[in-house]
Amino acid sequence: MTRQNTCGACRDGHGFAQAITMAFQPIVDVRDKTVFAYEALVRGEDGSSAAQVLASVDADNRYAFDQACRIRALECAVEARLPAMVSINFLPNAVYNPEHCLRATLGAAQRVGWPLKDVIFEVTEHEIITDHQHLLSILQTYRQRGFKTAIDDFGAGYAGLNLLADFQPDLLKLDIGLIRHVDTDRVRQRTIHHMLRLCDDIGVQVIAEGVERAEESAALTDLGVRLQQGFLFARPEVGRIPLTHFPS
């Protein structure tokens, strides 16, 4: 796809045929028993799942899909009256020019009245990063514009410590693979312990995602992970704020 066609497809999310909406899942502070942020998770307006929506994304509409997700996340956050930050996943390979590709996001935020400081952009490690320097440029541009940044699925994908060494995001989300059965797995406990020490040294907050059991949450809390996300606290809800449960 040429640069001209790419920019045309991105504009205002036009070019992605399926109508989408967002489900929200809380990221909680287990110590204060408060909600830190809500992650926006794509769904089809016809009730289709995230997997079904993503199955229709290809090289020709990836740019438009990424833009549509950003815009709908902000619109849905306002419609649901989220009382905390909104966290939006983005596709680095769908960003041609960091500044140009932010125009629709900035316009949507201004139109719906959502503060830029209350937006987190998450980059997932599961997407193959074809240009490391380009990703760094994206993250740096977002920070300069006042957005918060996060590395998602840390420990499961392609970027890992190399990305963390080059760019220190506001937040780092530990992959579910590190979280599962952490209450009984000493190696996982020590791995997370040392990741927390590293992130504390470089000023990065840690989120444990995929927490499904009270025992996992308790073990993570004992290790010092106060920001947690997963089915234990709430399942994603479309169009409204999920009821958040804190285990006693």
C-alpha atoms as a PDB file:
ATOM      1  CA  MET A   1       0.000   0.000   0.000  1.00  0.00           C
ATOM      2  CA  THR A   2       1.408   3.411  -0.910  1.00  0.00           C
ATOM      3  CA  ARG A   3       1.862   6.236   1.526  1.00  0.00           C
ATOM      4  CA  GLN A   4      -0.984   8.184  -0.069  1.00  0.00           C
ATOM      5  CA  ASN A   5      -3.382   5.241   0.109  1.00  0.00           C
ATOM      6  CA  THR A   6      -2.305   4.458   3.661  1.00  0.00           C
ATOM      7  CA  CYS A   7      -3.002   7.989   4.871  1.00  0.00           C
ATOM      8  CA  GLY A   8      -6.323   7.987   3.046  1.00  0.00           C
ATOM      9  CA  ALA A   9      -7.385   4.717   4.626  1.00  0.00           C
ATOM     10  CA  CYS A  10      -6.412   5.946   8.102  1.00  0.00           C
ATOM     11  CA  ARG A  11      -8.399   9.139   7.983  1.00  0.00           C
ATOM     12  CA  ASP A  12     -11.228   8.998  10.528  1.00  0.00           C
ATOM     13  CA  GLY A  13     -11.214   5.210  10.446  1.00  0.00           C
ATOM     14  CA  HIS A  14     -12.765   4.993   6.986  1.00  0.00           C
ATOM     15  CA  GLY A  15     -11.926   1.834   5.114  1.00  0.00           C
ATOM     16  CA  PHE A  16     -12.724  -0.750   7.814  1.00  0.00           C
ATOM     17  CA  ALA A  17     -16.047  -2.223   6.811  1.00  0.00           C
ATOM     18  CA  GLN A  18     -17.201  -3.836  10.062  1.00  0.00           C
ATOM     19  CA  ALA A  19     -18.887  -1.662  12.677  1.00  0.00           C
ATOM     20  CA  ILE A  20     -17.062  -1.985  15.985  1.00  0.00           C
ATOM     21  CA  THR A  21     -17.619  -1.073  19.609  1.00  0.00           C
ATOM     22  CA  MET A  22     -15.636  -1.511  22.818  1.00  0.00           C
ATOM     23  CA  ALA A  23     -15.867  -3.635  25.931  1.00  0.00           C
ATOM     24  CA  PHE A  24     -14.162  -2.369  29.071  1.00  0.00           C
ATOM     25  CA  GLN A  25     -12.240  -4.319  31.700  1.00  0.00           C
ATOM     26  CA  PRO A  26     -10.834  -2.666  34.834  1.00  0.00           C
ATOM     27  CA  ILE A  27      -7.207  -2.532  35.905  1.00  0.00           C
ATOM     28  CA  VAL A  28      -7.431  -2.381  39.686  1.00  0.00           C
ATOM     29  CA  ASP A  29      -5.285  -1.235  42.573  1.00  0.00           C
ATOM     30  CA  VAL A  30      -5.675  -4.115  45.002  1.00  0.00           C
ATOM     31  CA  ARG A  31      -4.269  -2.206  47.964  1.00  0.00           C
ATOM     32  CA  ASP A  32      -6.594   0.774  47.695  1.00  0.00           C
ATOM     33  CA  LYS A  33      -9.450  -1.302  46.205  1.00  0.00           C
ATOM     34  CA  THR A  34      -9.906   1.251  43.442  1.00  0.00           C
ATOM     35  CA  VAL A  35      -9.935   1.167  39.643  1.00  0.00           C
ATOM     36  CA  PHE A  36      -6.740   2.531  38.103  1.00  0.00           C
ATOM     37  CA  ALA A  37      -7.874   2.391  34.452  1.00  0.00           C
ATOM     38  CA  TYR A  38     -10.133   0.537  32.029  1.00  0.00           C
ATOM     39  CA  GLU A  39      -8.759  -1.338  29.035  1.00  0.00           C
ATOM     40  CA  ALA A  40     -10.804  -0.928  25.846  1.00  0.00           C
ATOM     41  CA  LEU A  41     -11.236  -4.272  24.057  1.00  0.00           C
ATOM     42  CA  VAL A  42     -12.652  -4.389  20.534  1.00  0.00           C
ATOM     43  CA  ARG A  43     -15.942  -6.122  19.769  1.00  0.00           C
ATOM     44  CA  GLY A  44     -18.264  -6.125  16.759  1.00  0.00           C
ATOM     45  CA  GLU A  45     -21.455  -4.112  17.056  1.00  0.00           C
ATOM     46  CA  ASP A  46     -23.215  -7.238  15.802  1.00  0.00           C
ATOM     47  CA  GLY A  47     -22.016  -9.117  18.888  1.00  0.00           C
ATOM     48  CA  SER A  48     -18.967 -10.707  17.300  1.00  0.00           C
ATOM     49  CA  SER A  49     -15.955 -11.429  19.499  1.00  0.00           C
ATOM     50  CA  ALA A  50     -12.551  -9.778  19.392  1.00  0.00           C
ATOM     51  CA  ALA A  51     -11.150 -12.830  17.600  1.00  0.00           C
ATOM     52  CA  GLN A  52     -13.839 -12.597  14.937  1.00  0.00           C
ATOM     53  CA  VAL A  53     -13.200  -8.904  14.395  1.00  0.00           C
ATOM     54  CA  LEU A  54      -9.431  -9.352  14.264  1.00  0.00           C
ATOM     55  CA  ALA A  55      -9.812 -12.176  11.756  1.00  0.00           C
ATOM     56  CA  SER A  56     -11.073  -9.612   9.250  1.00  0.00           C
ATOM     57  CA  VAL A  57      -8.009  -7.365   9.669  1.00  0.00           C
ATOM     58  CA  ASP A  58      -5.391  -7.638   6.930  1.00  0.00           C
ATOM     59  CA  ALA A  59      -2.623  -5.572   5.348  1.00  0.00           C
ATOM     60  CA  ASP A  60      -5.114  -3.555   3.318  1.00  0.00           C
ATOM     61  CA  ASN A  61      -7.359  -2.432   6.190  1.00  0.00           C
ATOM     62  CA  ARG A  62      -4.983  -2.592   9.185  1.00  0.00           C
ATOM     63  CA  TYR A  63      -4.453   1.168   9.134  1.00  0.00           C
ATOM     64  CA  ALA A  64      -8.143   1.980   9.072  1.00  0.00           C
ATOM     65  CA  PHE A  65      -8.859  -0.618  11.776  1.00  0.00           C
ATOM     66  CA  ASP A  66      -6.256   0.875  14.111  1.00  0.00           C
ATOM     67  CA  GLN A  67      -7.688   4.370  13.667  1.00  0.00           C
ATOM     68  CA  ALA A  68     -11.271   3.170  14.090  1.00  0.00           C
ATOM     69  CA  CYS A  69     -10.343   1.434  17.366  1.00  0.00           C
ATOM     70  CA  ARG A  70      -8.789   4.584  18.804  1.00  0.00           C
ATOM     71  CA  ILE A  71     -11.778   6.723  17.917  1.00  0.00           C
ATOM     72  CA  ARG A  72     -14.386   4.225  19.143  1.00  0.00           C
ATOM     73  CA  ALA A  73     -12.481   3.661  22.400  1.00  0.00           C
ATOM     74  CA  LEU A  74     -12.680   7.365  23.203  1.00  0.00           C
ATOM     75  CA  GLU A  75     -16.313   7.640  22.120  1.00  0.00           C
ATOM     76  CA  CYS A  76     -17.330   4.594  24.154  1.00  0.00           C
ATOM     77  CA  ALA A  77     -15.340   5.782  27.189  1.00  0.00           C
ATOM     78  CA  VAL A  78     -17.377   8.982  27.229  1.00  0.00           C
ATOM     79  CA  GLU A  79     -20.648   7.169  26.556  1.00  0.00           C
ATOM     80  CA  ALA A  80     -19.979   4.791  29.458  1.00  0.00           C
ATOM     81  CA  ARG A  81     -18.789   7.675  31.660  1.00  0.00           C
ATOM     82  CA  LEU A  82     -15.637   5.889  32.693  1.00  0.00           C
ATOM     83  CA  PRO A  83     -14.389   7.273  36.025  1.00  0.00           C
ATOM     84  CA  ALA A  84     -10.727   6.472  35.283  1.00  0.00           C
ATOM     85  CA  MET A  85      -8.176   6.403  32.468  1.00  0.00           C
ATOM     86  CA  VAL A  86      -8.836   4.452  29.282  1.00  0.00           C
ATOM     87  CA  SER A  87      -6.172   2.123  27.906  1.00  0.00           C
ATOM     88  CA  ILE A  88      -6.133   1.612  24.126  1.00  0.00           C
ATOM     89  CA  ASN A  89      -4.231  -1.072  22.235  1.00  0.00           C
ATOM     90  CA  PHE A  90      -2.554   0.021  19.029  1.00  0.00           C
ATOM     91  CA  LEU A  91      -0.811  -1.734  16.147  1.00  0.00           C
ATOM     92  CA  PRO A  92       2.708  -0.314  15.593  1.00  0.00           C
ATOM     93  CA  ASN A  93       2.801  -1.648  12.055  1.00  0.00           C
ATOM     94  CA  ALA A  94      -0.354   0.345  11.286  1.00  0.00           C
ATOM     95  CA  VAL A  95       1.337   3.654  12.081  1.00  0.00           C
ATOM     96  CA  TYR A  96       2.964   5.172   9.021  1.00  0.00           C
ATOM     97  CA  ASN A  97       3.932   8.505  10.552  1.00  0.00           C
ATOM     98  CA  PRO A  98       3.506   8.911  14.338  1.00  0.00           C
ATOM     99  CA  GLU A  99       2.493  12.576  14.186  1.00  0.00           C
ATOM    100  CA  HIS A 100       0.178  12.260  11.186  1.00  0.00           C
ATOM    101  CA  CYS A 101      -1.481   9.108  12.487  1.00  0.00           C
ATOM    102  CA  LEU A 102      -2.325  10.871  15.754  1.00  0.00           C
ATOM    103  CA  ARG A 103      -4.461  13.514  14.069  1.00  0.00           C
ATOM    104  CA  ALA A 104      -7.681  11.512  14.168  1.00  0.00           C
ATOM    105  CA  THR A 105      -7.020  10.504  17.799  1.00  0.00           C
ATOM    106  CA  LEU A 106      -6.388  14.083  18.858  1.00  0.00           C
ATOM    107  CA  GLY A 107      -9.454  15.238  16.965  1.00  0.00           C
ATOM    108  CA  ALA A 108     -11.648  12.585  18.575  1.00  0.00           C
ATOM    109  CA  ALA A 109     -10.351  13.389  22.070  1.00  0.00           C
ATOM    110  CA  GLN A 110     -11.126  17.063  21.561  1.00  0.00           C
ATOM    111  CA  ARG A 111     -14.559  16.326  20.083  1.00  0.00           C
ATOM    112  CA  VAL A 112     -15.690  14.082  22.952  1.00  0.00           C
ATOM    113  CA  GLY A 113     -13.853  16.013  25.664  1.00  0.00           C
ATOM    114  CA  TRP A 114     -11.510  13.270  26.880  1.00  0.00           C
ATOM    115  CA  PRO A 115      -8.199  14.527  28.414  1.00  0.00           C
ATOM    116  CA  LEU A 116      -5.036  13.272  26.718  1.00  0.00           C
ATOM    117  CA  LYS A 117      -3.437  12.646  30.128  1.00  0.00           C
ATOM    118  CA  ASP A 118      -6.164  10.054  30.767  1.00  0.00           C
ATOM    119  CA  VAL A 119      -5.238   7.933  27.728  1.00  0.00           C
ATOM    120  CA  ILE A 120      -2.817   4.995  27.885  1.00  0.00           C
ATOM    121  CA  PHE A 121      -1.528   3.530  24.623  1.00  0.00           C
ATOM    122  CA  GLU A 122      -0.580  -0.142  24.905  1.00  0.00           C
ATOM    123  CA  VAL A 123       1.763  -1.789  22.414  1.00  0.00           C
ATOM    124  CA  THR A 124       1.514  -5.553  22.417  1.00  0.00           C
ATOM    125  CA  GLU A 125       4.566  -7.780  22.213  1.00  0.00           C
ATOM    126  CA  HIS A 126       2.596 -10.307  20.179  1.00  0.00           C
ATOM    127  CA  GLU A 127       2.817  -8.222  16.998  1.00  0.00           C
ATOM    128  CA  ILE A 128       6.045  -8.740  15.073  1.00  0.00           C
ATOM    129  CA  ILE A 129       7.939  -5.448  15.191  1.00  0.00           C
ATOM    130  CA  THR A 130       9.391  -4.947  11.734  1.00  0.00           C
ATOM    131  CA  ASP A 131      11.127  -1.648  12.566  1.00  0.00           C
ATOM    132  CA  HIS A 132      12.385  -1.190  16.134  1.00  0.00           C
ATOM    133  CA  GLN A 133      13.404   2.435  15.623  1.00  0.00           C
ATOM    134  CA  HIS A 134       9.994   3.246  14.181  1.00  0.00           C
ATOM    135  CA  LEU A 135       8.311   1.842  17.296  1.00  0.00           C
ATOM    136  CA  LEU A 136      10.570   3.957  19.505  1.00  0.00           C
ATOM    137  CA  SER A 137       9.615   7.014  17.473  1.00  0.00           C
ATOM    138  CA  ILE A 138       5.916   6.219  17.954  1.00  0.00           C
ATOM    139  CA  LEU A 139       6.250   5.811  21.726  1.00  0.00           C
ATOM    140  CA  GLN A 140       8.335   8.957  22.092  1.00  0.00           C
ATOM    141  CA  THR A 141       5.830  10.968  20.048  1.00  0.00           C
ATOM    142  CA  TYR A 142       2.918   9.721  22.159  1.00  0.00           C
ATOM    143  CA  ARG A 143       4.726  10.648  25.360  1.00  0.00           C
ATOM    144  CA  GLN A 144       5.522  14.115  24.025  1.00  0.00           C
ATOM    145  CA  ARG A 145       1.839  14.610  23.239  1.00  0.00           C
ATOM    146  CA  GLY A 146       0.886  13.841  26.848  1.00  0.00           C
ATOM    147  CA  PHE A 147      -0.330  10.249  26.497  1.00  0.00           C
ATOM    148  CA  LYS A 148       0.795   7.503  28.853  1.00  0.00           C
ATOM    149  CA  THR A 149       2.446   4.429  27.322  1.00  0.00           C
ATOM    150  CA  ALA A 150       2.486   0.745  28.201  1.00  0.00           C
ATOM    151  CA  ILE A 151       4.164  -2.423  26.953  1.00  0.00           C
ATOM    152  CA  ASP A 152       1.556  -5.184  26.913  1.00  0.00           C
ATOM    153  CA  ASP A 153       2.125  -8.955  27.185  1.00  0.00           C
ATOM    154  CA  PHE A 154       5.679  -8.467  28.449  1.00  0.00           C
ATOM    155  CA  GLY A 155       7.579 -11.724  28.468  1.00  0.00           C
ATOM    156  CA  ALA A 156       5.617 -13.385  25.688  1.00  0.00           C
ATOM    157  CA  GLY A 157       6.580 -11.724  22.433  1.00  0.00           C
ATOM    158  CA  TYR A 158       9.138 -10.092  20.214  1.00  0.00           C
ATOM    159  CA  ALA A 159      10.320  -6.935  21.963  1.00  0.00           C
ATOM    160  CA  GLY A 160      11.193  -7.896  25.537  1.00  0.00           C
ATOM    161  CA  LEU A 161      14.115  -6.393  27.383  1.00  0.00           C
ATOM    162  CA  ASN A 162      15.539  -4.767  24.256  1.00  0.00           C
ATOM    163  CA  LEU A 163      12.522  -2.481  23.995  1.00  0.00           C
ATOM    164  CA  LEU A 164      12.519  -1.791  27.734  1.00  0.00           C
ATOM    165  CA  ALA A 165      16.223  -0.865  27.583  1.00  0.00           C
ATOM    166  CA  ASP A 166      15.576   1.633  24.787  1.00  0.00           C
ATOM    167  CA  PHE A 167      12.302   3.082  26.059  1.00  0.00           C
ATOM    168  CA  GLN A 168      10.906   3.133  29.574  1.00  0.00           C
ATOM    169  CA  PRO A 169       7.083   3.279  29.373  1.00  0.00           C
ATOM    170  CA  ASP A 170       4.846   4.445  32.168  1.00  0.00           C
ATOM    171  CA  LEU A 171       3.489   0.922  32.564  1.00  0.00           C
ATOM    172  CA  LEU A 172       4.563  -2.638  31.864  1.00  0.00           C
ATOM    173  CA  LYS A 173       1.988  -5.445  31.759  1.00  0.00           C
ATOM    174  CA  LEU A 174       3.290  -8.868  32.695  1.00  0.00           C
ATOM    175  CA  ASP A 175       1.960 -11.565  30.379  1.00  0.00           C
ATOM    176  CA  ILE A 176      -0.576 -14.076  31.631  1.00  0.00           C
ATOM    177  CA  GLY A 177       2.001 -16.832  31.149  1.00  0.00           C
ATOM    178  CA  LEU A 178       4.037 -15.412  34.033  1.00  0.00           C
ATOM    179  CA  ILE A 179       0.948 -14.967  36.202  1.00  0.00           C
ATOM    180  CA  ARG A 180      -0.656 -18.383  35.847  1.00  0.00           C
ATOM    181  CA  HIS A 181      -0.083 -20.457  39.020  1.00  0.00           C
ATOM    182  CA  VAL A 182       2.351 -17.892  40.423  1.00  0.00           C
ATOM    183  CA  ASP A 183       1.091 -18.826  43.890  1.00  0.00           C
ATOM    184  CA  THR A 184       2.700 -22.273  43.610  1.00  0.00           C
ATOM    185  CA  ASP A 185       5.594 -21.659  41.218  1.00  0.00           C
ATOM    186  CA  ARG A 186       8.789 -20.414  42.873  1.00  0.00           C
ATOM    187  CA  VAL A 187      10.521 -19.660  39.561  1.00  0.00           C
ATOM    188  CA  ARG A 188       7.670 -17.396  38.478  1.00  0.00           C
ATOM    189  CA  GLN A 189       7.712 -15.726  41.878  1.00  0.00           C
ATOM    190  CA  ARG A 190      11.440 -14.986  41.637  1.00  0.00           C
ATOM    191  CA  THR A 191      11.109 -13.811  38.034  1.00  0.00           C
ATOM    192  CA  ILE A 192       8.374 -11.345  38.956  1.00  0.00           C
ATOM    193  CA  HIS A 193      10.270 -10.267  42.071  1.00  0.00           C
ATOM    194  CA  HIS A 194      13.302  -9.284  40.003  1.00  0.00           C
ATOM    195  CA  MET A 195      11.175  -7.644  37.293  1.00  0.00           C
ATOM    196  CA  LEU A 196       9.588  -5.487  39.989  1.00  0.00           C
ATOM    197  CA  ARG A 197      13.004  -4.449  41.304  1.00  0.00           C
ATOM    198  CA  LEU A 198      14.145  -3.568  37.791  1.00  0.00           C
ATOM    199  CA  CYS A 199      11.000  -1.593  36.976  1.00  0.00           C
ATOM    200  CA  ASP A 200      11.144   0.228  40.294  1.00  0.00           C
ATOM    201  CA  ASP A 201      14.741   1.235  39.548  1.00  0.00           C
ATOM    202  CA  ILE A 202      13.788   2.704  36.155  1.00  0.00           C
ATOM    203  CA  GLY A 203      10.484   4.261  37.194  1.00  0.00           C
ATOM    204  CA  VAL A 204       8.029   1.900  35.474  1.00  0.00           C
ATOM    205  CA  GLN A 205       4.802   0.694  37.104  1.00  0.00           C
ATOM    206  CA  VAL A 206       3.952  -3.003  36.754  1.00  0.00           C
ATOM    207  CA  ILE A 207       0.539  -4.497  35.985  1.00  0.00           C
ATOM    208  CA  ALA A 208      -0.206  -8.207  36.285  1.00  0.00           C
ATOM    209  CA  GLU A 209      -2.744  -9.233  33.640  1.00  0.00           C
ATOM    210  CA  GLY A 210      -4.758 -12.402  33.356  1.00  0.00           C
ATOM    211  CA  VAL A 211      -5.344 -12.812  37.105  1.00  0.00           C
ATOM    212  CA  GLU A 212      -8.103 -15.396  37.502  1.00  0.00           C
ATOM    213  CA  ARG A 213      -7.679 -16.852  40.987  1.00  0.00           C
ATOM    214  CA  ALA A 214      -7.659 -15.251  44.435  1.00  0.00           C
ATOM    215  CA  GLU A 215      -4.512 -17.226  45.287  1.00  0.00           C
ATOM    216  CA  GLU A 216      -2.681 -15.691  42.316  1.00  0.00           C
ATOM    217  CA  SER A 217      -3.788 -12.208  43.317  1.00  0.00           C
ATOM    218  CA  ALA A 218      -2.655 -12.742  46.925  1.00  0.00           C
ATOM    219  CA  ALA A 219       0.753 -14.020  45.799  1.00  0.00           C
ATOM    220  CA  LEU A 220       1.194 -11.064  43.452  1.00  0.00           C
ATOM    221  CA  THR A 221       0.168  -8.648  46.192  1.00  0.00           C
ATOM    222  CA  ASP A 222       2.720 -10.203  48.540  1.00  0.00           C
ATOM    223  CA  LEU A 223       5.361  -9.720  45.842  1.00  0.00           C
ATOM    224  CA  GLY A 224       4.429  -6.040  45.586  1.00  0.00           C
ATOM    225  CA  VAL A 225       2.248  -5.997  42.440  1.00  0.00           C
ATOM    226  CA  ARG A 226      -0.608  -3.704  43.374  1.00  0.00           C
ATOM    227  CA  LEU A 227      -1.996  -3.114  39.848  1.00  0.00           C
ATOM    228  CA  GLN A 228      -3.808  -6.210  38.589  1.00  0.00           C
ATOM    229  CA  GLN A 229      -6.261  -7.130  35.823  1.00  0.00           C
ATOM    230  CA  GLY A 230      -8.257 -10.248  35.053  1.00  0.00           C
ATOM    231  CA  PHE A 231     -11.490 -12.213  35.323  1.00  0.00           C
ATOM    232  CA  LEU A 232     -11.063 -12.412  39.104  1.00  0.00           C
ATOM    233  CA  PHE A 233     -12.002  -8.730  39.324  1.00  0.00           C
ATOM    234  CA  ALA A 234     -14.352  -8.337  36.350  1.00  0.00           C
ATOM    235  CA  ARG A 235     -15.079  -9.646  32.890  1.00  0.00           C
ATOM    236  CA  PRO A 236     -15.193  -7.152  30.010  1.00  0.00           C
ATOM    237  CA  GLU A 237     -18.554  -5.450  29.538  1.00  0.00           C
ATOM    238  CA  VAL A 238     -19.740  -3.757  26.341  1.00  0.00           C
ATOM    239  CA  GLY A 239     -21.105  -0.255  26.641  1.00  0.00           C
ATOM    240  CA  ARG A 240     -21.020   0.042  30.412  1.00  0.00           C
ATOM    241  CA  ILE A 241     -18.773   0.025  33.451  1.00  0.00           C
ATOM    242  CA  PRO A 242     -18.252  -3.542  34.752  1.00  0.00           C
ATOM    243  CA  LEU A 243     -19.021  -4.265  38.375  1.00  0.00           C
ATOM    244  CA  THR A 244     -15.614  -4.774  39.985  1.00  0.00           C
ATOM    245  CA  HIS A 245     -15.125  -7.506  42.579  1.00  0.00           C
ATOM    246  CA  PHE A 246     -12.297  -7.424  45.096  1.00  0.00           C
ATOM    247  CA  PRO A 247     -11.655 -10.787  46.791  1.00  0.00           C
ATOM    248  CA  SER A 248     -11.711 -10.597  50.586  1.00  0.00           C
END
